[in-house]
Amino acid sequence: MTASRIRIWTVGLLTGVLLNVTGWVGNNFVLGGLWRDVGTPLSSVPWRQSVGRDVLSFVPDFIYGVAIVWLIVAIRPRSHDYRSAAWRAGLFVAIVGGITTYFAIANSGFIPWRLAVASFVLVLGTKLPLAVLAGRLLER
């Protein structure tokens, strides 16, 4: 594996760790009340009470982190700088990941639209700054 690929994976996985931490904090402390309102009926579903589900819930943010970094590297040659590439990559991943996740769940009736929109705003508020941080780490 080349040094640039190792750097992409390292920064991507670090971004994934930070996405998991900020997502957990945001969902528990910022949106905790909204999630508690809908969490009670779902908490009795057997698949919601397993260690495997808990571990699996961390995987998407690692994928998003690597995707953001990969996109930054891909966009950078056509962009003015890493910051511009990072904003574009972060926005793309936030929109694709946030809309396909929360809006689809709301459309299915599992969560209210208010929670879906609030969660999407949280996604934007975490992925965009962390994409810029990833861009800065790649720039060095």
N, C-alpha and C. Protein backbone atom coordinates (compact mmCIF):
# COMPACT_ATOMS: atom_id res chain seq x y z
N MET A 1 0.84 -1.17 0.00
CA MET A 1 0.00 0.00 0.00
C MET A 1 0.89 1.24 0.00
N THR A 2 0.57 2.18 -0.86
CA THR A 2 1.38 3.39 -0.96
C THR A 2 1.13 4.31 0.23
N ALA A 3 2.05 5.24 0.42
CA ALA A 3 1.94 6.19 1.54
C ALA A 3 0.67 7.02 1.42
N SER A 4 0.29 7.40 0.21
CA SER A 4 -0.92 8.22 0.05
C SER A 4 -2.18 7.43 0.41
N ARG A 5 -2.20 6.14 0.06
CA ARG A 5 -3.36 5.32 0.44
C ARG A 5 -3.42 5.11 1.94
N ILE A 6 -2.27 4.91 2.56
CA ILE A 6 -2.23 4.76 4.02
C ILE A 6 -2.74 6.04 4.67
N ARG A 7 -2.34 7.18 4.13
CA ARG A 7 -2.80 8.47 4.67
C ARG A 7 -4.30 8.63 4.51
N ILE A 8 -4.85 8.26 3.35
CA ILE A 8 -6.29 8.34 3.11
C ILE A 8 -7.03 7.48 4.12
N TRP A 9 -6.57 6.24 4.30
CA TRP A 9 -7.24 5.35 5.24
C TRP A 9 -7.11 5.85 6.68
N THR A 10 -5.94 6.33 7.05
CA THR A 10 -5.71 6.81 8.41
C THR A 10 -6.60 8.02 8.72
N VAL A 11 -6.58 9.02 7.84
CA VAL A 11 -7.41 10.21 8.05
C VAL A 11 -8.89 9.84 7.95
N GLY A 12 -9.23 8.95 7.04
CA GLY A 12 -10.62 8.53 6.89
C GLY A 12 -11.15 7.81 8.12
N LEU A 13 -10.36 6.91 8.67
CA LEU A 13 -10.80 6.19 9.87
C LEU A 13 -10.84 7.11 11.09
N LEU A 14 -9.88 8.03 11.18
CA LEU A 14 -9.92 9.02 12.26
C LEU A 14 -11.18 9.89 12.13
N THR A 15 -11.51 10.28 10.91
CA THR A 15 -12.73 11.04 10.68
C THR A 15 -13.94 10.21 11.09
N GLY A 16 -13.92 8.92 10.80
CA GLY A 16 -15.01 8.02 11.21
C GLY A 16 -15.16 7.96 12.73
N VAL A 17 -14.04 7.91 13.43
CA VAL A 17 -14.09 7.91 14.90
C VAL A 17 -14.76 9.19 15.39
N LEU A 18 -14.32 10.32 14.84
CA LEU A 18 -14.88 11.61 15.26
C LEU A 18 -16.35 11.75 14.88
N LEU A 19 -16.74 11.20 13.73
CA LEU A 19 -18.15 11.20 13.34
C LEU A 19 -18.98 10.37 14.32
N ASN A 20 -18.46 9.24 14.74
CA ASN A 20 -19.17 8.41 15.72
C ASN A 20 -19.32 9.14 17.05
N VAL A 21 -18.27 9.78 17.50
CA VAL A 21 -18.32 10.49 18.79
C VAL A 21 -19.29 11.67 18.72
N THR A 22 -19.16 12.50 17.69
CA THR A 22 -20.05 13.66 17.59
C THR A 22 -21.49 13.25 17.32
N GLY A 23 -21.69 12.17 16.58
CA GLY A 23 -23.04 11.66 16.36
C GLY A 23 -23.67 11.15 17.64
N TRP A 24 -22.88 10.44 18.43
CA TRP A 24 -23.38 9.93 19.70
C TRP A 24 -23.75 11.08 20.63
N VAL A 25 -22.84 12.05 20.75
CA VAL A 25 -23.11 13.21 21.61
C VAL A 25 -24.35 13.96 21.11
N GLY A 26 -24.42 14.20 19.82
CA GLY A 26 -25.56 14.92 19.26
C GLY A 26 -26.88 14.19 19.45
N ASN A 27 -26.88 12.89 19.20
CA ASN A 27 -28.12 12.12 19.33
C ASN A 27 -28.55 11.93 20.77
N ASN A 28 -27.59 11.88 21.69
CA ASN A 28 -27.94 11.67 23.09
C ASN A 28 -28.21 12.95 23.86
N PHE A 29 -27.47 14.01 23.56
CA PHE A 29 -27.62 15.24 24.34
C PHE A 29 -28.38 16.35 23.60
N VAL A 30 -28.16 16.48 22.31
CA VAL A 30 -28.85 17.53 21.55
C VAL A 30 -30.25 17.07 21.14
N LEU A 31 -30.35 15.88 20.59
CA LEU A 31 -31.63 15.35 20.11
C LEU A 31 -32.20 14.27 21.03
N GLY A 32 -31.62 14.12 22.20
CA GLY A 32 -32.02 13.03 23.09
C GLY A 32 -33.50 12.99 23.40
N GLY A 33 -34.10 14.14 23.65
CA GLY A 33 -35.53 14.18 23.95
C GLY A 33 -36.39 13.70 22.80
N LEU A 34 -36.02 14.11 21.58
CA LEU A 34 -36.78 13.67 20.40
C LEU A 34 -36.64 12.17 20.19
N TRP A 35 -35.42 11.64 20.38
CA TRP A 35 -35.23 10.20 20.22
C TRP A 35 -35.94 9.42 21.32
N ARG A 36 -35.94 9.95 22.54
CA ARG A 36 -36.64 9.26 23.63
C ARG A 36 -38.14 9.18 23.36
N ASP A 37 -38.68 10.22 22.75
CA ASP A 37 -40.11 10.21 22.43
C ASP A 37 -40.49 9.07 21.50
N VAL A 38 -39.62 8.73 20.56
CA VAL A 38 -39.93 7.64 19.63
C VAL A 38 -39.24 6.34 20.00
N GLY A 39 -38.28 6.39 20.92
CA GLY A 39 -37.51 5.20 21.26
C GLY A 39 -38.23 4.19 22.11
N THR A 40 -39.19 4.61 22.89
CA THR A 40 -39.88 3.69 23.79
C THR A 40 -40.57 2.55 23.05
N PRO A 41 -41.37 2.82 22.00
CA PRO A 41 -42.01 1.70 21.34
C PRO A 41 -41.02 0.79 20.62
N LEU A 42 -39.93 1.36 20.11
CA LEU A 42 -38.95 0.56 19.37
C LEU A 42 -38.04 -0.23 20.29
N SER A 43 -37.90 0.19 21.54
CA SER A 43 -36.96 -0.49 22.44
C SER A 43 -37.38 -1.93 22.74
N SER A 44 -38.63 -2.27 22.51
CA SER A 44 -39.06 -3.64 22.78
C SER A 44 -38.82 -4.59 21.61
N VAL A 45 -38.36 -4.05 20.47
CA VAL A 45 -38.06 -4.89 19.32
C VAL A 45 -36.77 -5.66 19.60
N PRO A 46 -36.76 -7.01 19.45
CA PRO A 46 -35.59 -7.82 19.82
C PRO A 46 -34.28 -7.39 19.16
N TRP A 47 -34.28 -7.02 17.88
CA TRP A 47 -33.02 -6.66 17.22
C TRP A 47 -32.43 -5.38 17.76
N ARG A 48 -33.20 -4.59 18.49
CA ARG A 48 -32.69 -3.35 19.06
C ARG A 48 -31.89 -3.60 20.33
N GLN A 49 -31.93 -4.81 20.87
CA GLN A 49 -31.30 -5.09 22.14
C GLN A 49 -30.15 -6.09 21.99
N SER A 50 -29.27 -5.88 21.04
CA SER A 50 -28.17 -6.82 20.85
C SER A 50 -26.85 -6.08 20.72
N VAL A 51 -25.79 -6.74 21.17
CA VAL A 51 -24.45 -6.18 21.06
C VAL A 51 -24.08 -6.02 19.58
N GLY A 52 -24.46 -6.99 18.76
CA GLY A 52 -24.17 -6.91 17.33
C GLY A 52 -24.76 -5.68 16.69
N ARG A 53 -25.97 -5.32 17.07
CA ARG A 53 -26.61 -4.12 16.54
C ARG A 53 -25.84 -2.88 16.99
N ASP A 54 -25.42 -2.87 18.25
CA ASP A 54 -24.67 -1.72 18.75
C ASP A 54 -23.35 -1.55 18.00
N VAL A 55 -22.63 -2.65 17.80
CA VAL A 55 -21.37 -2.59 17.07
C VAL A 55 -21.61 -2.18 15.61
N LEU A 56 -22.62 -2.77 15.00
CA LEU A 56 -22.95 -2.46 13.61
C LEU A 56 -23.33 -1.00 13.41
N SER A 57 -23.87 -0.37 14.44
CA SER A 57 -24.29 1.03 14.31
C SER A 57 -23.09 1.97 14.14
N PHE A 58 -21.89 1.53 14.47
CA PHE A 58 -20.70 2.36 14.31
C PHE A 58 -20.12 2.31 12.90
N VAL A 59 -20.43 1.27 12.15
CA VAL A 59 -19.83 1.05 10.83
C VAL A 59 -20.11 2.18 9.83
N PRO A 60 -21.35 2.66 9.70
CA PRO A 60 -21.60 3.68 8.68
C PRO A 60 -20.73 4.92 8.81
N ASP A 61 -20.48 5.39 10.03
CA ASP A 61 -19.66 6.60 10.17
C ASP A 61 -18.21 6.36 9.74
N PHE A 62 -17.70 5.15 9.91
CA PHE A 62 -16.37 4.85 9.39
C PHE A 62 -16.38 4.86 7.86
N ILE A 63 -17.44 4.32 7.28
CA ILE A 63 -17.57 4.36 5.81
C ILE A 63 -17.69 5.80 5.34
N TYR A 64 -18.51 6.60 6.03
CA TYR A 64 -18.64 8.02 5.66
C TYR A 64 -17.31 8.75 5.80
N GLY A 65 -16.55 8.45 6.85
CA GLY A 65 -15.26 9.11 7.05
C GLY A 65 -14.29 8.82 5.92
N VAL A 66 -14.18 7.56 5.53
CA VAL A 66 -13.29 7.19 4.43
C VAL A 66 -13.81 7.79 3.12
N ALA A 67 -15.13 7.78 2.92
CA ALA A 67 -15.71 8.35 1.69
C ALA A 67 -15.43 9.83 1.60
N ILE A 68 -15.56 10.55 2.70
CA ILE A 68 -15.27 11.99 2.70
C ILE A 68 -13.82 12.23 2.29
N VAL A 69 -12.90 11.50 2.90
CA VAL A 69 -11.48 11.70 2.59
C VAL A 69 -11.18 11.31 1.15
N TRP A 70 -11.71 10.21 0.71
CA TRP A 70 -11.50 9.78 -0.68
C TRP A 70 -12.02 10.84 -1.65
N LEU A 71 -13.21 11.39 -1.36
CA LEU A 71 -13.77 12.43 -2.22
C LEU A 71 -12.94 13.72 -2.19
N ILE A 72 -12.43 14.07 -1.02
CA ILE A 72 -11.56 15.26 -0.94
C ILE A 72 -10.37 15.10 -1.86
N VAL A 73 -9.74 13.94 -1.80
CA VAL A 73 -8.56 13.68 -2.64
C VAL A 73 -8.96 13.69 -4.12
N ALA A 74 -10.13 13.15 -4.45
CA ALA A 74 -10.57 13.11 -5.84
C ALA A 74 -10.96 14.50 -6.35
N ILE A 75 -11.58 15.31 -5.50
CA ILE A 75 -12.05 16.65 -5.90
C ILE A 75 -10.91 17.67 -5.91
N ARG A 76 -9.94 17.49 -5.07
CA ARG A 76 -8.87 18.48 -4.86
C ARG A 76 -8.22 18.98 -6.16
N PRO A 77 -7.90 18.15 -7.15
CA PRO A 77 -7.25 18.68 -8.36
C PRO A 77 -8.14 19.67 -9.14
N ARG A 78 -9.46 19.56 -9.01
CA ARG A 78 -10.37 20.46 -9.71
C ARG A 78 -10.85 21.60 -8.81
N SER A 79 -10.37 21.66 -7.61
CA SER A 79 -10.81 22.66 -6.65
C SER A 79 -9.68 23.63 -6.36
N HIS A 80 -10.01 24.72 -5.74
CA HIS A 80 -8.98 25.71 -5.42
C HIS A 80 -8.04 25.26 -4.32
N ASP A 81 -8.59 24.59 -3.34
CA ASP A 81 -7.78 24.16 -2.21
C ASP A 81 -8.47 23.00 -1.49
N TYR A 82 -7.82 22.51 -0.45
CA TYR A 82 -8.38 21.41 0.31
C TYR A 82 -9.66 21.82 1.03
N ARG A 83 -9.72 23.05 1.49
CA ARG A 83 -10.91 23.50 2.22
C ARG A 83 -12.15 23.44 1.32
N SER A 84 -12.04 23.94 0.11
CA SER A 84 -13.15 23.91 -0.84
C SER A 84 -13.53 22.47 -1.18
N ALA A 85 -12.53 21.64 -1.40
CA ALA A 85 -12.80 20.23 -1.69
C ALA A 85 -13.45 19.55 -0.50
N ALA A 86 -13.02 19.90 0.70
CA ALA A 86 -13.58 19.29 1.92
C ALA A 86 -15.05 19.68 2.10
N TRP A 87 -15.38 20.94 1.88
CA TRP A 87 -16.78 21.37 1.98
C TRP A 87 -17.66 20.61 1.00
N ARG A 88 -17.18 20.49 -0.23
CA ARG A 88 -17.96 19.77 -1.25
C ARG A 88 -18.12 18.30 -0.89
N ALA A 89 -17.05 17.67 -0.49
CA ALA A 89 -17.10 16.24 -0.13
C ALA A 89 -18.00 16.03 1.09
N GLY A 90 -17.82 16.85 2.11
CA GLY A 90 -18.65 16.73 3.31
C GLY A 90 -20.12 16.97 3.03
N LEU A 91 -20.42 17.96 2.20
CA LEU A 91 -21.80 18.25 1.86
C LEU A 91 -22.42 17.10 1.07
N PHE A 92 -21.67 16.56 0.12
CA PHE A 92 -22.17 15.44 -0.67
C PHE A 92 -22.49 14.24 0.20
N VAL A 93 -21.55 13.85 1.05
CA VAL A 93 -21.76 12.68 1.91
C VAL A 93 -22.88 12.94 2.92
N ALA A 94 -22.96 14.15 3.45
CA ALA A 94 -24.03 14.49 4.40
C ALA A 94 -25.39 14.41 3.74
N ILE A 95 -25.50 14.95 2.55
CA ILE A 95 -26.79 14.93 1.86
C ILE A 95 -27.19 13.51 1.48
N VAL A 96 -26.27 12.80 0.85
CA VAL A 96 -26.59 11.42 0.43
C VAL A 96 -26.85 10.53 1.64
N GLY A 97 -25.99 10.56 2.63
CA GLY A 97 -26.16 9.72 3.81
C GLY A 97 -27.33 10.13 4.67
N GLY A 98 -27.48 11.43 4.90
CA GLY A 98 -28.55 11.92 5.76
C GLY A 98 -29.93 11.74 5.17
N ILE A 99 -30.07 12.08 3.90
CA ILE A 99 -31.39 11.96 3.28
C ILE A 99 -31.79 10.50 3.13
N THR A 100 -30.87 9.68 2.67
CA THR A 100 -31.23 8.27 2.47
C THR A 100 -31.50 7.56 3.79
N THR A 101 -30.91 8.03 4.86
CA THR A 101 -31.14 7.39 6.15
C THR A 101 -32.39 7.94 6.83
N TYR A 102 -32.34 9.20 7.22
CA TYR A 102 -33.40 9.75 8.07
C TYR A 102 -34.70 10.02 7.33
N PHE A 103 -34.62 10.50 6.10
CA PHE A 103 -35.86 10.77 5.38
C PHE A 103 -36.55 9.48 4.98
N ALA A 104 -35.79 8.44 4.67
CA ALA A 104 -36.40 7.15 4.35
C ALA A 104 -37.06 6.54 5.58
N ILE A 105 -36.42 6.68 6.73
CA ILE A 105 -37.00 6.14 7.97
C ILE A 105 -38.28 6.90 8.31
N ALA A 106 -38.26 8.23 8.13
CA ALA A 106 -39.47 9.02 8.40
C ALA A 106 -40.57 8.68 7.41
N ASN A 107 -40.19 8.51 6.15
CA ASN A 107 -41.18 8.17 5.12
C ASN A 107 -41.83 6.82 5.41
N SER A 108 -41.09 5.92 6.06
CA SER A 108 -41.63 4.61 6.42
C SER A 108 -42.51 4.67 7.66
N GLY A 109 -42.49 5.80 8.35
CA GLY A 109 -43.34 5.97 9.53
C GLY A 109 -42.70 5.58 10.84
N PHE A 110 -41.40 5.25 10.85
CA PHE A 110 -40.74 4.84 12.08
C PHE A 110 -40.37 6.00 12.99
N ILE A 111 -40.09 7.17 12.39
CA ILE A 111 -39.81 8.36 13.18
C ILE A 111 -40.60 9.52 12.58
N PRO A 112 -40.90 10.53 13.39
CA PRO A 112 -41.60 11.70 12.86
C PRO A 112 -40.68 12.54 11.98
N TRP A 113 -41.29 13.27 11.06
CA TRP A 113 -40.50 14.11 10.15
C TRP A 113 -39.69 15.16 10.90
N ARG A 114 -40.21 15.64 12.02
CA ARG A 114 -39.47 16.64 12.81
C ARG A 114 -38.12 16.07 13.25
N LEU A 115 -38.13 14.83 13.70
CA LEU A 115 -36.89 14.17 14.11
C LEU A 115 -35.97 13.92 12.91
N ALA A 116 -36.55 13.56 11.78
CA ALA A 116 -35.74 13.33 10.57
C ALA A 116 -35.02 14.61 10.16
N VAL A 117 -35.73 15.72 10.16
CA VAL A 117 -35.12 17.00 9.77
C VAL A 117 -34.07 17.41 10.80
N ALA A 118 -34.37 17.28 12.09
CA ALA A 118 -33.41 17.62 13.13
C ALA A 118 -32.15 16.75 13.03
N SER A 119 -32.34 15.47 12.73
CA SER A 119 -31.20 14.56 12.57
C SER A 119 -30.37 14.94 11.36
N PHE A 120 -31.03 15.34 10.28
CA PHE A 120 -30.30 15.76 9.09
C PHE A 120 -29.49 17.03 9.36
N VAL A 121 -30.05 17.95 10.10
CA VAL A 121 -29.31 19.16 10.48
C VAL A 121 -28.10 18.79 11.33
N LEU A 122 -28.29 17.83 12.23
CA LEU A 122 -27.16 17.34 13.04
C LEU A 122 -26.09 16.72 12.14
N VAL A 123 -26.51 15.96 11.15
CA VAL A 123 -25.56 15.35 10.20
C VAL A 123 -24.75 16.45 9.50
N LEU A 124 -25.43 17.49 9.04
CA LEU A 124 -24.72 18.61 8.39
C LEU A 124 -23.76 19.27 9.37
N GLY A 125 -24.22 19.45 10.61
CA GLY A 125 -23.42 20.12 11.62
C GLY A 125 -22.21 19.33 12.09
N THR A 126 -22.20 18.04 11.85
CA THR A 126 -21.04 17.24 12.24
C THR A 126 -20.15 16.91 11.04
N LYS A 127 -20.75 16.53 9.93
CA LYS A 127 -19.94 16.10 8.79
C LYS A 127 -19.19 17.25 8.12
N LEU A 128 -19.80 18.42 8.02
CA LEU A 128 -19.12 19.53 7.34
C LEU A 128 -17.86 19.99 8.10
N PRO A 129 -17.94 20.28 9.39
CA PRO A 129 -16.71 20.68 10.09
C PRO A 129 -15.65 19.57 10.12
N LEU A 130 -16.10 18.32 10.27
CA LEU A 130 -15.13 17.23 10.29
C LEU A 130 -14.52 16.98 8.92
N ALA A 131 -15.25 17.27 7.87
CA ALA A 131 -14.67 17.18 6.52
C ALA A 131 -13.59 18.25 6.36
N VAL A 132 -13.84 19.43 6.87
CA VAL A 132 -12.82 20.50 6.79
C VAL A 132 -11.59 20.10 7.60
N LEU A 133 -11.80 19.53 8.78
CA LEU A 133 -10.66 19.04 9.57
C LEU A 133 -9.89 17.97 8.79
N ALA A 134 -10.61 17.05 8.16
CA ALA A 134 -9.94 16.01 7.37
C ALA A 134 -9.14 16.64 6.23
N GLY A 135 -9.71 17.65 5.59
CA GLY A 135 -8.99 18.36 4.52
C GLY A 135 -7.72 18.99 5.03
N ARG A 136 -7.79 19.57 6.21
CA ARG A 136 -6.59 20.19 6.82
C ARG A 136 -5.52 19.14 7.13
N LEU A 137 -5.97 17.99 7.60
CA LEU A 137 -5.01 16.91 7.89
C LEU A 137 -4.37 16.38 6.62
N LEU A 138 -5.13 16.33 5.54
CA LEU A 138 -4.58 15.88 4.27
C LEU A 138 -3.62 16.92 3.67
N GLU A 139 -3.89 18.17 3.95
CA GLU A 139 -3.09 19.26 3.40
C GLU A 139 -1.67 19.26 3.95
N ARG A 140 -1.53 18.80 5.16
CA ARG A 140 -0.21 18.82 5.82
C ARG A 140 0.73 17.81 5.25
